[in-house]
């Protein structure tokens, strides 16, 4: 999750989406402006990704949540 200066949200989104590890990138409301689902091989790669995101212009903070178990993924996006 990435917190960005409002003047740089578009640039930060383009930066995050340019990283090959970023599988899904979402613009969000609330405390964080960007949420990205990434796939990395280990903690070293995760830390490297986090550092590259921190270097993007306008980025104020990067928070990382690590998924420890996959319960369910449904690729369908039904609208109810």
C-alpha atoms as a PDB file:
ATOM      1  CA  UNK A   1       0.000   0.000   0.000  1.00  0.00           C
ATOM      2  CA  UNK A   2       1.383   3.361  -1.019  1.00  0.00           C
ATOM      3  CA  UNK A   3       0.618   6.807   0.382  1.00  0.00           C
ATOM      4  CA  UNK A   4       1.269   9.538  -2.185  1.00  0.00           C
ATOM      5  CA  UNK A   5       1.253  13.336  -2.310  1.00  0.00           C
ATOM      6  CA  UNK A   6      -1.998  14.200  -4.166  1.00  0.00           C
ATOM      7  CA  UNK A   7      -0.031  16.056  -6.851  1.00  0.00           C
ATOM      8  CA  UNK A   8       1.883  12.886  -7.785  1.00  0.00           C
ATOM      9  CA  UNK A   9      -0.733  10.108  -7.692  1.00  0.00           C
ATOM     10  CA  UNK A  10      -0.785   9.605 -11.468  1.00  0.00           C
ATOM     11  CA  UNK A  11       2.998   9.464 -11.708  1.00  0.00           C
ATOM     12  CA  UNK A  12       3.225   7.069  -8.772  1.00  0.00           C
ATOM     13  CA  UNK A  13       0.608   4.775 -10.310  1.00  0.00           C
ATOM     14  CA  UNK A  14       2.547   4.712 -13.580  1.00  0.00           C
ATOM     15  CA  UNK A  15       5.733   3.970 -11.626  1.00  0.00           C
ATOM     16  CA  UNK A  16       4.239   1.081  -9.650  1.00  0.00           C
ATOM     17  CA  UNK A  17       2.608  -0.422 -12.738  1.00  0.00           C
ATOM     18  CA  UNK A  18       5.951  -0.332 -14.554  1.00  0.00           C
ATOM     19  CA  UNK A  19       7.483  -2.808 -12.080  1.00  0.00           C
ATOM     20  CA  UNK A  20       7.210  -6.375 -13.335  1.00  0.00           C
ATOM     21  CA  UNK A  21       6.427  -7.702  -9.832  1.00  0.00           C
ATOM     22  CA  UNK A  22       3.164  -5.712  -9.719  1.00  0.00           C
ATOM     23  CA  UNK A  23       0.434  -8.140 -10.760  1.00  0.00           C
ATOM     24  CA  UNK A  24      -2.510  -5.924  -9.765  1.00  0.00           C
ATOM     25  CA  UNK A  25      -2.532  -2.178  -9.082  1.00  0.00           C
ATOM     26  CA  UNK A  26      -5.543  -0.353  -7.650  1.00  0.00           C
ATOM     27  CA  UNK A  27      -6.158   3.314  -6.918  1.00  0.00           C
ATOM     28  CA  UNK A  28      -7.923   3.598  -3.562  1.00  0.00           C
ATOM     29  CA  UNK A  29      -9.525   6.060  -1.199  1.00  0.00           C
ATOM     30  CA  UNK A  30      -8.613   6.291   2.455  1.00  0.00           C
ATOM     31  CA  UNK A  31      -5.242   6.349   4.168  1.00  0.00           C
ATOM     32  CA  UNK A  32      -3.393   4.839   1.201  1.00  0.00           C
ATOM     33  CA  UNK A  33      -3.747   5.880  -2.432  1.00  0.00           C
ATOM     34  CA  UNK A  34      -2.389   2.801  -4.222  1.00  0.00           C
ATOM     35  CA  UNK A  35      -2.765  -0.865  -3.393  1.00  0.00           C
ATOM     36  CA  UNK A  36      -0.638  -3.323  -5.324  1.00  0.00           C
ATOM     37  CA  UNK A  37      -0.580  -7.105  -5.286  1.00  0.00           C
ATOM     38  CA  UNK A  38       2.906  -8.300  -6.108  1.00  0.00           C
ATOM     39  CA  UNK A  39       4.597 -11.658  -6.519  1.00  0.00           C
ATOM     40  CA  UNK A  40       8.203 -11.976  -5.326  1.00  0.00           C
ATOM     41  CA  UNK A  41      10.450 -14.916  -4.608  1.00  0.00           C
ATOM     42  CA  UNK A  42      11.665 -13.960  -1.117  1.00  0.00           C
ATOM     43  CA  UNK A  43      12.013 -11.205   1.484  1.00  0.00           C
ATOM     44  CA  UNK A  44      15.100  -9.800  -0.226  1.00  0.00           C
ATOM     45  CA  UNK A  45      13.081  -9.265  -3.418  1.00  0.00           C
ATOM     46  CA  UNK A  46      10.205  -7.794  -1.388  1.00  0.00           C
ATOM     47  CA  UNK A  47      12.526  -5.306   0.284  1.00  0.00           C
ATOM     48  CA  UNK A  48      14.018  -4.359  -3.090  1.00  0.00           C
ATOM     49  CA  UNK A  49      10.547  -3.712  -4.507  1.00  0.00           C
ATOM     50  CA  UNK A  50       9.601  -1.631  -1.475  1.00  0.00           C
ATOM     51  CA  UNK A  51      12.742   0.489  -1.824  1.00  0.00           C
ATOM     52  CA  UNK A  52      12.074   1.138  -5.525  1.00  0.00           C
ATOM     53  CA  UNK A  53       8.513   2.243  -4.736  1.00  0.00           C
ATOM     54  CA  UNK A  54       9.791   4.544  -1.964  1.00  0.00           C
ATOM     55  CA  UNK A  55      12.063   6.234  -4.507  1.00  0.00           C
ATOM     56  CA  UNK A  56       9.147   7.216  -6.775  1.00  0.00           C
ATOM     57  CA  UNK A  57       8.477  10.940  -6.765  1.00  0.00           C
ATOM     58  CA  UNK A  58       5.696  11.959  -4.377  1.00  0.00           C
ATOM     59  CA  UNK A  59       5.639   8.710  -2.374  1.00  0.00           C
ATOM     60  CA  UNK A  60       5.234   9.461   1.336  1.00  0.00           C
ATOM     61  CA  UNK A  61       4.944   5.958   2.809  1.00  0.00           C
ATOM     62  CA  UNK A  62       4.890   2.307   1.814  1.00  0.00           C
ATOM     63  CA  UNK A  63       3.194  -0.328   3.973  1.00  0.00           C
ATOM     64  CA  UNK A  64       3.644  -4.026   3.279  1.00  0.00           C
ATOM     65  CA  UNK A  65       1.329  -6.859   4.194  1.00  0.00           C
ATOM     66  CA  UNK A  66       2.591 -10.375   3.512  1.00  0.00           C
ATOM     67  CA  UNK A  67       0.043 -13.071   2.719  1.00  0.00           C
ATOM     68  CA  UNK A  68       0.933 -16.275   4.543  1.00  0.00           C
ATOM     69  CA  UNK A  69      -1.825 -18.524   3.231  1.00  0.00           C
ATOM     70  CA  UNK A  70      -3.972 -18.407   0.128  1.00  0.00           C
ATOM     71  CA  UNK A  71      -7.565 -19.225   1.030  1.00  0.00           C
ATOM     72  CA  UNK A  72      -9.516 -18.388  -2.121  1.00  0.00           C
ATOM     73  CA  UNK A  73      -9.073 -16.526  -5.380  1.00  0.00           C
ATOM     74  CA  UNK A  74     -12.018 -16.038  -7.688  1.00  0.00           C
ATOM     75  CA  UNK A  75     -11.027 -14.369 -10.969  1.00  0.00           C
ATOM     76  CA  UNK A  76     -14.667 -13.628 -11.847  1.00  0.00           C
ATOM     77  CA  UNK A  77     -15.878 -10.130 -11.058  1.00  0.00           C
ATOM     78  CA  UNK A  78     -19.656 -10.440 -10.731  1.00  0.00           C
ATOM     79  CA  UNK A  79     -21.635  -7.316  -9.951  1.00  0.00           C
ATOM     80  CA  UNK A  80     -24.468  -7.867  -7.467  1.00  0.00           C
END
